[in-house]
N, C-alpha and C. Protein backbone atom coordinates (compact mmCIF):
# COMPACT_ATOMS: atom_id res chain seq x y z
N MET A 1 152.32 -100.13 -48.43
CA MET A 1 152.51 -101.57 -48.34
C MET A 1 153.89 -101.85 -47.98
N ALA A 2 154.10 -102.72 -47.02
CA ALA A 2 155.60 -103.03 -46.54
C ALA A 2 156.13 -104.12 -47.37
N GLY A 3 157.43 -104.32 -47.28
CA GLY A 3 158.20 -105.13 -48.18
C GLY A 3 157.98 -106.67 -47.69
N GLU A 4 158.86 -107.49 -48.21
CA GLU A 4 158.70 -108.93 -47.96
C GLU A 4 159.67 -109.42 -46.84
N GLY A 5 160.11 -108.59 -46.08
CA GLY A 5 160.87 -109.03 -44.90
C GLY A 5 160.20 -109.83 -43.95
N ILE A 6 160.85 -110.39 -42.92
CA ILE A 6 160.19 -111.24 -41.94
C ILE A 6 159.44 -110.29 -40.93
N TYR A 7 158.20 -110.73 -40.64
CA TYR A 7 157.50 -109.83 -39.70
C TYR A 7 157.58 -110.45 -38.20
N HIS A 8 157.75 -109.55 -37.29
CA HIS A 8 157.69 -109.88 -35.85
C HIS A 8 157.00 -108.95 -35.08
N LYS A 9 156.48 -109.47 -33.88
CA LYS A 9 155.80 -108.62 -32.90
C LYS A 9 156.73 -107.56 -32.23
N THR A 10 156.32 -106.41 -31.97
CA THR A 10 157.03 -105.43 -31.22
C THR A 10 156.75 -105.70 -29.86
N GLU A 11 157.27 -105.07 -28.91
CA GLU A 11 156.88 -105.11 -27.50
C GLU A 11 155.40 -104.70 -27.18
N LYS A 12 154.89 -103.74 -27.87
CA LYS A 12 153.61 -103.38 -27.90
C LYS A 12 152.70 -104.52 -28.48
N GLY A 13 153.06 -105.25 -29.51
CA GLY A 13 152.32 -106.30 -29.90
C GLY A 13 152.19 -107.52 -29.03
N ARG A 14 153.42 -107.87 -28.32
CA ARG A 14 153.38 -108.87 -27.26
C ARG A 14 152.55 -108.54 -26.07
N ALA A 15 152.49 -107.26 -25.71
CA ALA A 15 151.76 -106.75 -24.58
C ALA A 15 150.18 -106.78 -24.96
N GLU A 16 149.90 -106.46 -26.10
CA GLU A 16 148.48 -106.63 -26.66
C GLU A 16 147.88 -108.08 -26.62
N ILE A 17 148.75 -108.96 -26.92
CA ILE A 17 148.40 -110.48 -26.88
C ILE A 17 148.13 -110.68 -25.34
N ALA A 18 148.99 -110.35 -24.56
CA ALA A 18 148.93 -110.74 -23.14
C ALA A 18 147.84 -109.96 -22.46
N THR A 19 147.58 -108.74 -22.78
CA THR A 19 146.69 -107.91 -21.84
C THR A 19 145.32 -107.41 -22.52
N ARG A 20 145.34 -107.45 -23.91
CA ARG A 20 144.28 -106.93 -24.70
C ARG A 20 143.96 -105.48 -24.34
N ALA A 21 144.92 -104.73 -24.09
CA ALA A 21 144.80 -103.48 -23.56
C ALA A 21 144.20 -102.40 -24.57
N ASN A 22 144.65 -102.68 -25.93
CA ASN A 22 144.13 -101.80 -27.03
C ASN A 22 142.89 -102.35 -27.61
N LYS A 23 142.47 -103.55 -27.17
CA LYS A 23 141.06 -104.08 -27.74
C LYS A 23 140.93 -104.12 -29.17
N LEU A 24 141.98 -104.78 -29.81
CA LEU A 24 142.10 -105.06 -31.13
C LEU A 24 140.78 -105.85 -31.50
N GLY A 25 140.32 -105.67 -32.76
CA GLY A 25 139.28 -106.51 -33.25
C GLY A 25 139.68 -108.07 -33.55
N LEU A 26 138.68 -108.86 -33.68
CA LEU A 26 139.07 -110.29 -33.80
C LEU A 26 140.03 -110.53 -34.97
N ARG A 27 139.73 -109.86 -36.12
CA ARG A 27 140.65 -110.20 -37.26
C ARG A 27 142.03 -109.62 -37.09
N GLU A 28 142.07 -108.52 -36.49
CA GLU A 28 143.42 -107.93 -36.20
C GLU A 28 144.31 -108.67 -35.15
N ARG A 29 143.50 -109.08 -34.04
CA ARG A 29 144.24 -109.97 -33.07
C ARG A 29 144.66 -111.29 -33.68
N THR A 30 143.93 -111.86 -34.44
CA THR A 30 144.09 -113.31 -35.20
C THR A 30 145.45 -112.99 -35.93
N MET A 31 145.54 -111.97 -36.80
CA MET A 31 146.64 -111.65 -37.59
C MET A 31 147.88 -111.46 -36.77
N LEU A 32 147.71 -110.73 -35.65
CA LEU A 32 148.92 -110.45 -34.73
C LEU A 32 149.38 -111.63 -34.14
N ILE A 33 148.46 -112.60 -33.76
CA ILE A 33 148.83 -113.92 -33.32
C ILE A 33 149.66 -114.76 -34.27
N MET A 34 149.22 -114.58 -35.58
CA MET A 34 149.85 -115.42 -36.63
C MET A 34 151.30 -114.98 -36.89
N VAL A 35 151.70 -113.75 -36.53
CA VAL A 35 152.98 -113.18 -36.76
C VAL A 35 153.98 -113.88 -35.81
N ASP A 36 155.06 -114.66 -36.30
CA ASP A 36 155.74 -115.65 -35.67
C ASP A 36 157.20 -115.45 -35.68
N ASP A 37 157.79 -114.33 -36.20
CA ASP A 37 159.13 -114.12 -36.38
C ASP A 37 159.78 -115.03 -37.48
N LYS A 38 159.09 -115.75 -38.23
CA LYS A 38 159.50 -116.66 -39.26
C LYS A 38 158.95 -116.28 -40.62
N THR A 39 157.86 -115.69 -40.61
CA THR A 39 156.95 -115.59 -41.84
C THR A 39 157.03 -114.13 -42.51
N SER A 40 157.06 -114.14 -43.72
CA SER A 40 156.90 -112.91 -44.50
C SER A 40 155.57 -112.45 -44.74
N ARG A 41 155.31 -111.20 -45.31
CA ARG A 41 154.06 -110.83 -45.59
C ARG A 41 153.21 -111.78 -46.47
N GLY A 42 153.86 -112.25 -47.45
CA GLY A 42 153.39 -113.15 -48.45
C GLY A 42 152.98 -114.38 -47.82
N GLY A 43 153.68 -114.92 -46.84
CA GLY A 43 153.38 -116.24 -46.06
C GLY A 43 152.22 -115.95 -45.11
N LEU A 44 152.07 -114.79 -44.46
CA LEU A 44 151.06 -114.36 -43.59
C LEU A 44 149.71 -114.28 -44.36
N LEU A 45 149.89 -113.56 -45.53
CA LEU A 45 148.66 -113.33 -46.38
C LEU A 45 148.18 -114.84 -46.91
N SER A 46 149.00 -115.73 -47.22
CA SER A 46 148.71 -117.00 -47.78
C SER A 46 148.03 -117.86 -46.74
N ARG A 47 148.07 -117.57 -45.40
CA ARG A 47 147.44 -118.30 -44.30
C ARG A 47 146.16 -117.70 -43.99
N SER A 48 145.79 -116.39 -44.34
CA SER A 48 144.55 -115.80 -44.14
C SER A 48 143.71 -115.74 -45.37
N ALA A 49 142.49 -116.19 -45.27
CA ALA A 49 141.62 -116.06 -46.39
C ALA A 49 140.76 -114.83 -46.44
N HIS A 50 140.85 -114.04 -45.51
CA HIS A 50 140.05 -112.77 -45.37
C HIS A 50 140.64 -111.69 -46.47
N PRO A 51 139.81 -111.12 -47.25
CA PRO A 51 140.28 -110.21 -48.22
C PRO A 51 140.88 -108.88 -47.70
N SER A 52 140.59 -108.55 -46.55
CA SER A 52 141.30 -107.35 -46.06
C SER A 52 142.59 -107.67 -45.21
N SER A 53 143.06 -108.91 -45.32
CA SER A 53 144.29 -109.23 -44.65
C SER A 53 145.47 -108.38 -44.82
N GLY A 54 145.58 -107.80 -46.02
CA GLY A 54 146.89 -106.83 -46.39
C GLY A 54 146.63 -105.57 -45.67
N GLU A 55 145.41 -105.14 -45.59
CA GLU A 55 145.13 -103.88 -44.89
C GLU A 55 145.29 -104.11 -43.47
N ILE A 56 144.87 -105.21 -42.87
CA ILE A 56 145.08 -105.41 -41.38
C ILE A 56 146.63 -105.53 -41.12
N LEU A 57 147.40 -106.17 -41.92
CA LEU A 57 148.84 -106.12 -41.76
C LEU A 57 149.46 -104.73 -41.71
N ASP A 58 148.97 -103.99 -42.81
CA ASP A 58 149.42 -102.52 -42.84
C ASP A 58 149.09 -101.79 -41.59
N ALA A 59 147.90 -102.03 -41.03
CA ALA A 59 147.42 -101.17 -39.93
C ALA A 59 148.22 -101.64 -38.62
N LEU A 60 148.41 -102.89 -38.66
CA LEU A 60 149.28 -103.46 -37.37
C LEU A 60 150.63 -102.90 -37.51
N LEU A 61 151.20 -102.80 -38.58
CA LEU A 61 152.47 -102.18 -38.85
C LEU A 61 152.47 -100.71 -38.50
N ALA A 62 151.54 -100.03 -39.10
CA ALA A 62 151.47 -98.53 -38.80
C ALA A 62 151.34 -98.20 -37.32
N GLN A 63 150.52 -99.06 -36.67
CA GLN A 63 150.24 -98.71 -35.25
C GLN A 63 151.24 -99.29 -34.30
N GLY A 64 152.36 -100.00 -34.73
CA GLY A 64 153.41 -100.29 -34.01
C GLY A 64 153.25 -101.63 -33.27
N PHE A 65 152.34 -102.56 -33.74
CA PHE A 65 152.05 -103.84 -33.13
C PHE A 65 153.10 -104.81 -33.74
N ILE A 66 153.48 -104.65 -35.08
CA ILE A 66 154.43 -105.64 -35.52
C ILE A 66 155.49 -104.60 -36.28
N GLU A 67 156.59 -105.28 -36.78
CA GLU A 67 157.48 -104.64 -37.55
C GLU A 67 158.17 -105.67 -38.43
N VAL A 68 158.94 -105.03 -39.59
CA VAL A 68 159.63 -105.86 -40.53
C VAL A 68 161.04 -106.04 -40.06
N ALA A 69 161.59 -107.18 -39.84
CA ALA A 69 162.83 -107.44 -39.29
C ALA A 69 163.88 -107.35 -40.54
N GLY A 70 165.02 -106.86 -40.49
CA GLY A 70 166.02 -106.93 -41.29
C GLY A 70 165.69 -106.59 -42.86
N GLU A 71 165.80 -105.28 -43.12
CA GLU A 71 165.40 -104.86 -44.46
C GLU A 71 166.12 -105.74 -45.53
N SER A 72 167.26 -106.24 -45.20
CA SER A 72 168.09 -107.01 -46.20
C SER A 72 167.70 -108.45 -46.41
N ALA A 73 166.66 -108.79 -45.64
CA ALA A 73 166.18 -110.26 -45.58
C ALA A 73 165.69 -110.66 -47.04
N SER A 74 165.04 -109.71 -47.75
CA SER A 74 164.46 -110.13 -49.02
C SER A 74 165.47 -110.16 -50.09
N ALA A 75 166.66 -109.54 -49.80
CA ALA A 75 167.74 -109.45 -50.89
C ALA A 75 168.55 -110.77 -50.99
N GLY A 76 168.63 -111.57 -49.94
CA GLY A 76 169.47 -112.64 -49.82
C GLY A 76 168.43 -113.86 -50.17
N SER A 77 169.27 -114.94 -50.37
CA SER A 77 168.52 -116.19 -50.69
C SER A 77 167.87 -117.02 -49.36
N GLY A 78 168.40 -116.53 -48.35
CA GLY A 78 168.01 -117.20 -47.10
C GLY A 78 168.84 -118.23 -46.60
N SER A 79 169.90 -118.52 -47.26
CA SER A 79 170.75 -119.62 -46.82
C SER A 79 172.15 -119.05 -46.48
N GLY A 80 172.78 -119.62 -45.49
CA GLY A 80 174.02 -119.19 -45.03
C GLY A 80 173.78 -118.04 -44.04
N PRO A 81 174.89 -117.59 -43.38
CA PRO A 81 174.88 -116.72 -42.32
C PRO A 81 174.64 -115.19 -42.91
N THR A 82 174.00 -114.52 -42.12
CA THR A 82 173.82 -113.03 -42.56
C THR A 82 174.44 -111.99 -41.60
N ALA A 83 174.52 -110.84 -41.91
CA ALA A 83 175.15 -109.95 -41.12
C ALA A 83 174.19 -109.16 -40.27
N SER A 84 172.87 -109.54 -40.47
CA SER A 84 171.85 -108.78 -39.64
C SER A 84 171.67 -109.53 -38.42
N GLY A 85 170.54 -109.06 -37.48
CA GLY A 85 170.47 -109.50 -36.18
C GLY A 85 169.91 -110.97 -36.09
N ALA A 86 169.60 -111.24 -34.90
CA ALA A 86 169.16 -112.60 -34.43
C ALA A 86 167.96 -113.11 -35.27
N VAL A 87 167.00 -112.34 -35.57
CA VAL A 87 165.87 -112.79 -36.29
C VAL A 87 166.27 -113.42 -37.62
N GLN A 88 167.24 -112.93 -38.25
CA GLN A 88 167.67 -113.47 -39.61
C GLN A 88 168.30 -114.94 -39.34
N SER A 89 168.69 -115.34 -38.11
CA SER A 89 169.37 -116.59 -37.92
C SER A 89 168.26 -117.76 -37.85
N VAL A 90 167.00 -117.46 -37.88
CA VAL A 90 165.82 -118.26 -37.66
C VAL A 90 165.70 -118.83 -39.04
N VAL A 91 165.56 -120.16 -39.09
CA VAL A 91 165.25 -120.78 -40.45
C VAL A 91 163.92 -120.65 -40.83
N MET A 92 163.64 -120.26 -42.09
CA MET A 92 162.16 -120.05 -42.48
C MET A 92 161.54 -121.32 -42.59
N ALA A 93 160.42 -121.48 -41.97
CA ALA A 93 159.57 -122.72 -42.02
C ALA A 93 158.70 -122.65 -43.19
N PRO A 94 158.34 -123.76 -43.78
CA PRO A 94 157.30 -123.78 -44.85
C PRO A 94 155.96 -123.66 -44.24
N ALA A 95 155.02 -123.17 -45.00
CA ALA A 95 153.62 -122.84 -44.44
C ALA A 95 152.99 -124.12 -44.10
N ALA A 96 153.33 -125.15 -44.62
CA ALA A 96 152.62 -126.41 -44.36
C ALA A 96 153.51 -127.33 -43.55
N PRO A 97 153.06 -128.08 -42.54
CA PRO A 97 154.05 -128.82 -41.80
C PRO A 97 154.58 -130.11 -42.61
N VAL A 98 155.87 -130.29 -42.42
CA VAL A 98 156.56 -131.40 -43.13
C VAL A 98 157.49 -132.11 -42.26
N THR A 99 157.87 -133.35 -42.59
CA THR A 99 158.73 -134.12 -41.72
C THR A 99 160.18 -133.50 -41.98
N GLY A 100 161.00 -133.60 -41.03
CA GLY A 100 162.48 -133.28 -41.13
C GLY A 100 162.63 -131.85 -40.83
N GLN A 101 161.76 -131.17 -40.26
CA GLN A 101 161.94 -129.78 -39.93
C GLN A 101 163.00 -129.48 -38.87
N PRO A 102 163.50 -128.35 -38.97
CA PRO A 102 164.66 -128.16 -37.88
C PRO A 102 164.20 -128.27 -36.49
N PRO A 103 165.03 -128.39 -35.63
CA PRO A 103 164.84 -128.53 -34.20
C PRO A 103 163.84 -127.26 -33.79
N VAL A 104 162.92 -127.55 -32.75
CA VAL A 104 161.93 -126.65 -32.37
C VAL A 104 162.41 -126.35 -30.77
N GLU A 105 162.06 -125.07 -30.36
CA GLU A 105 162.35 -124.63 -29.02
C GLU A 105 161.42 -125.33 -28.03
N ILE A 106 161.96 -125.88 -27.01
CA ILE A 106 161.13 -126.61 -25.97
C ILE A 106 160.96 -125.71 -24.84
N SER A 107 159.64 -125.17 -24.80
CA SER A 107 159.27 -124.21 -23.61
C SER A 107 157.84 -124.15 -23.54
N LEU A 108 157.32 -123.75 -22.44
CA LEU A 108 155.75 -123.37 -22.40
C LEU A 108 155.39 -122.37 -23.37
N ILE A 109 156.22 -121.30 -23.64
CA ILE A 109 155.99 -120.27 -24.48
C ILE A 109 155.86 -120.82 -25.87
N SER A 110 156.81 -121.57 -26.28
CA SER A 110 156.95 -122.04 -27.64
C SER A 110 155.77 -122.94 -27.95
N ALA A 111 155.30 -124.00 -27.01
CA ALA A 111 154.25 -124.74 -27.02
C ALA A 111 152.91 -123.84 -27.36
N SER A 112 152.80 -122.84 -26.39
CA SER A 112 151.59 -121.96 -26.48
C SER A 112 151.47 -121.24 -27.75
N ARG A 113 152.53 -120.55 -28.20
CA ARG A 113 152.50 -119.95 -29.42
C ARG A 113 152.23 -120.79 -30.71
N PHE A 114 152.79 -122.08 -30.59
CA PHE A 114 152.60 -123.06 -31.83
C PHE A 114 150.95 -123.35 -31.66
N ALA A 115 150.48 -123.50 -30.39
CA ALA A 115 149.11 -123.84 -30.39
C ALA A 115 148.21 -122.87 -30.79
N CYS A 116 148.47 -121.59 -30.53
CA CYS A 116 147.64 -120.54 -30.87
C CYS A 116 147.68 -120.34 -32.42
N ARG A 117 148.82 -120.45 -33.04
CA ARG A 117 148.87 -120.40 -34.52
C ARG A 117 148.23 -121.58 -35.20
N ALA A 118 148.37 -122.71 -34.69
CA ALA A 118 147.57 -123.92 -35.15
C ALA A 118 146.11 -123.77 -35.03
N LEU A 119 145.64 -123.31 -33.83
CA LEU A 119 144.21 -123.19 -33.63
C LEU A 119 143.63 -122.26 -34.66
N VAL A 120 144.38 -121.01 -34.89
CA VAL A 120 143.78 -120.12 -35.94
C VAL A 120 143.94 -120.73 -37.30
N THR A 121 144.86 -121.47 -37.70
CA THR A 121 145.06 -122.03 -38.94
C THR A 121 143.91 -123.11 -39.22
N TYR A 122 143.66 -123.93 -38.14
CA TYR A 122 142.57 -125.05 -38.38
C TYR A 122 141.19 -124.59 -38.16
N LEU A 123 141.09 -123.73 -37.15
CA LEU A 123 139.66 -123.19 -36.80
C LEU A 123 139.28 -121.83 -37.28
N GLY A 124 140.17 -121.04 -37.79
CA GLY A 124 139.91 -119.79 -38.29
C GLY A 124 139.76 -118.65 -37.12
N PRO A 125 139.17 -117.63 -37.41
CA PRO A 125 138.97 -116.56 -36.39
C PRO A 125 138.14 -116.96 -35.22
N GLY A 126 137.40 -118.09 -35.43
CA GLY A 126 136.42 -118.53 -34.31
C GLY A 126 137.35 -119.12 -33.27
N ALA A 127 138.80 -119.19 -33.32
CA ALA A 127 139.66 -119.93 -32.31
C ALA A 127 139.97 -118.87 -31.30
N ASP A 128 139.60 -117.61 -31.47
CA ASP A 128 140.12 -116.52 -30.59
C ASP A 128 139.86 -116.88 -29.09
N ASP A 129 138.68 -117.37 -28.74
CA ASP A 129 138.42 -117.70 -27.38
C ASP A 129 139.39 -118.83 -26.93
N LEU A 130 139.62 -119.87 -27.74
CA LEU A 130 140.58 -120.88 -27.35
C LEU A 130 141.95 -120.36 -27.15
N THR A 131 142.37 -119.56 -28.05
CA THR A 131 143.76 -118.95 -28.02
C THR A 131 143.78 -118.14 -26.60
N ALA A 132 142.84 -117.46 -26.33
CA ALA A 132 142.95 -116.69 -25.01
C ALA A 132 143.06 -117.55 -23.88
N LEU A 133 142.36 -118.65 -23.94
CA LEU A 133 142.46 -119.73 -22.65
C LEU A 133 143.91 -120.25 -22.73
N VAL A 134 144.49 -120.54 -23.91
CA VAL A 134 145.84 -121.12 -23.87
C VAL A 134 146.86 -120.09 -23.38
N GLU A 135 146.71 -118.85 -23.81
CA GLU A 135 147.59 -117.65 -23.43
C GLU A 135 147.59 -117.59 -21.88
N LYS A 136 146.44 -117.89 -21.32
CA LYS A 136 146.30 -117.62 -19.79
C LYS A 136 146.99 -118.78 -18.95
N CYS A 137 147.30 -119.72 -19.57
CA CYS A 137 147.85 -120.91 -18.76
C CYS A 137 149.05 -120.59 -18.08
N LYS A 138 149.30 -120.97 -16.79
CA LYS A 138 150.59 -120.51 -16.07
C LYS A 138 151.52 -121.67 -15.86
N GLY A 139 151.16 -122.91 -16.01
CA GLY A 139 152.22 -123.86 -15.79
C GLY A 139 152.00 -125.11 -16.64
N LEU A 140 152.95 -125.94 -16.74
CA LEU A 140 152.94 -127.13 -17.62
C LEU A 140 151.63 -127.97 -17.51
N GLU A 141 151.28 -128.26 -16.28
CA GLU A 141 150.21 -129.12 -16.13
C GLU A 141 148.82 -128.44 -16.61
N GLU A 142 148.59 -127.20 -16.22
CA GLU A 142 147.55 -126.38 -16.87
C GLU A 142 147.47 -126.33 -18.36
N LEU A 143 148.66 -125.92 -18.89
CA LEU A 143 148.77 -125.96 -20.46
C LEU A 143 148.47 -127.31 -21.06
N THR A 144 149.07 -128.30 -20.61
CA THR A 144 148.79 -129.56 -21.21
C THR A 144 147.39 -129.98 -21.10
N ALA A 145 146.66 -129.73 -20.00
CA ALA A 145 145.29 -130.02 -20.02
C ALA A 145 144.51 -129.17 -21.02
N ARG A 146 144.78 -127.99 -21.03
CA ARG A 146 144.11 -127.04 -22.09
C ARG A 146 144.22 -127.51 -23.44
N LEU A 147 145.63 -127.93 -23.74
CA LEU A 147 145.89 -128.31 -25.16
C LEU A 147 145.16 -129.58 -25.53
N GLU A 148 145.02 -130.38 -24.56
CA GLU A 148 144.24 -131.65 -24.84
C GLU A 148 142.79 -131.44 -25.11
N LYS A 149 142.26 -130.42 -24.52
CA LYS A 149 140.93 -130.06 -24.88
C LYS A 149 140.85 -129.30 -26.15
N CYS A 150 141.92 -128.72 -26.59
CA CYS A 150 141.97 -127.85 -27.90
C CYS A 150 141.96 -129.10 -28.85
N ARG A 151 142.82 -130.07 -28.57
CA ARG A 151 142.94 -131.19 -29.60
C ARG A 151 141.63 -131.87 -29.82
N MET A 152 140.75 -132.09 -28.74
CA MET A 152 139.43 -132.78 -29.02
C MET A 152 138.67 -131.82 -29.79
N THR A 153 138.64 -130.36 -29.61
CA THR A 153 137.86 -129.46 -30.33
C THR A 153 138.39 -129.46 -31.90
N ILE A 154 139.62 -129.56 -32.00
CA ILE A 154 139.98 -129.50 -33.49
C ILE A 154 139.52 -130.77 -34.15
N GLN A 155 139.72 -131.97 -33.37
CA GLN A 155 139.21 -133.23 -33.98
C GLN A 155 137.69 -133.19 -34.30
N SER A 156 136.92 -132.60 -33.44
CA SER A 156 135.36 -132.56 -33.74
C SER A 156 135.14 -131.63 -34.82
N LEU A 157 135.83 -130.57 -35.12
CA LEU A 157 135.68 -129.52 -36.07
C LEU A 157 136.38 -129.68 -37.38
N ALA A 158 137.58 -130.10 -37.23
CA ALA A 158 138.42 -130.23 -38.42
C ALA A 158 138.93 -131.50 -38.83
N GLY A 159 138.72 -132.51 -37.95
CA GLY A 159 138.99 -133.92 -38.31
C GLY A 159 140.33 -134.45 -37.50
N LYS A 160 140.40 -135.80 -37.47
CA LYS A 160 141.45 -136.50 -36.66
C LYS A 160 142.91 -136.25 -37.22
N LYS A 161 143.00 -136.09 -38.49
CA LYS A 161 144.39 -135.80 -39.08
C LYS A 161 144.82 -134.52 -38.52
N LYS A 162 144.02 -133.46 -38.58
CA LYS A 162 144.53 -132.10 -38.06
C LYS A 162 144.73 -132.13 -36.65
N ALA A 163 143.95 -132.81 -35.88
CA ALA A 163 143.99 -132.84 -34.40
C ALA A 163 145.44 -133.63 -34.21
N ASP A 164 145.74 -134.71 -34.85
CA ASP A 164 147.13 -135.31 -34.74
C ASP A 164 148.22 -134.52 -35.03
N GLU A 165 148.06 -133.71 -36.19
CA GLU A 165 149.16 -132.64 -36.51
C GLU A 165 149.41 -131.72 -35.38
N PHE A 166 148.27 -131.27 -34.82
CA PHE A 166 148.29 -130.32 -33.74
C PHE A 166 149.06 -130.87 -32.54
N TRP A 167 148.58 -132.08 -32.12
CA TRP A 167 149.17 -132.64 -30.91
C TRP A 167 150.60 -133.14 -31.10
N SER A 168 151.00 -133.52 -32.35
CA SER A 168 152.40 -133.68 -32.67
C SER A 168 153.31 -132.52 -32.45
N GLY A 169 152.75 -131.37 -32.93
CA GLY A 169 153.40 -129.97 -32.90
C GLY A 169 153.60 -129.58 -31.46
N VAL A 170 152.53 -129.59 -30.72
CA VAL A 170 152.65 -129.06 -29.39
C VAL A 170 153.49 -130.09 -28.47
N SER A 171 153.37 -131.38 -28.66
CA SER A 171 154.17 -132.27 -27.82
C SER A 171 155.55 -132.08 -28.08
N ALA A 172 155.93 -131.78 -29.22
CA ALA A 172 157.33 -131.59 -29.64
C ALA A 172 158.04 -130.36 -28.80
N ARG A 173 157.07 -129.37 -28.37
CA ARG A 173 157.44 -128.18 -27.83
C ARG A 173 157.35 -128.17 -26.30
N LEU A 174 156.46 -129.02 -25.90
CA LEU A 174 156.19 -129.13 -24.34
C LEU A 174 157.48 -129.68 -23.63
N PRO A 175 157.95 -129.02 -22.46
CA PRO A 175 158.90 -129.64 -21.66
C PRO A 175 158.68 -130.92 -21.02
N ARG A 176 159.55 -131.71 -20.91
CA ARG A 176 159.45 -133.00 -20.34
C ARG A 176 159.69 -132.88 -18.88
N GLU A 177 159.04 -133.37 -17.95
CA GLU A 177 159.37 -133.31 -16.57
C GLU A 177 160.07 -134.40 -16.05
């Protein structure tokens, strides 16, 4: 079992999300998508209700899809500058959305990643098909149209409040033309 450092995708993990070359199972792929360069093992496990989530994380780690960044991350309090790499400069986000969050990256990639994490959070492993469609979008217009459809799906399955949270999050990350 790995420590409580911050988990992030390796190049192999990012390639798997883009190409599905290793044909990970639904639960493994969902967990891989949830790894966001901000969350520790405990945070990831708290987001997943499946009983084998810990084993899935261990397998992804052992197979080289993810890694634990900065072993010294669990030793500090998380405040102030650290001597480790760029991953440590990322502010840890709470598991639940709150107002007054730090600024977010504005890019298609950031909006897509947020959308995929939110879809998995709101819809569970059944969101795999939707996340695949989001990941395939090539431009702002295509991504925006896909995200609007995702918003409608979330509203019909999880409620208006969650759909509004989803739209607020992706809107904050989408580039303005």
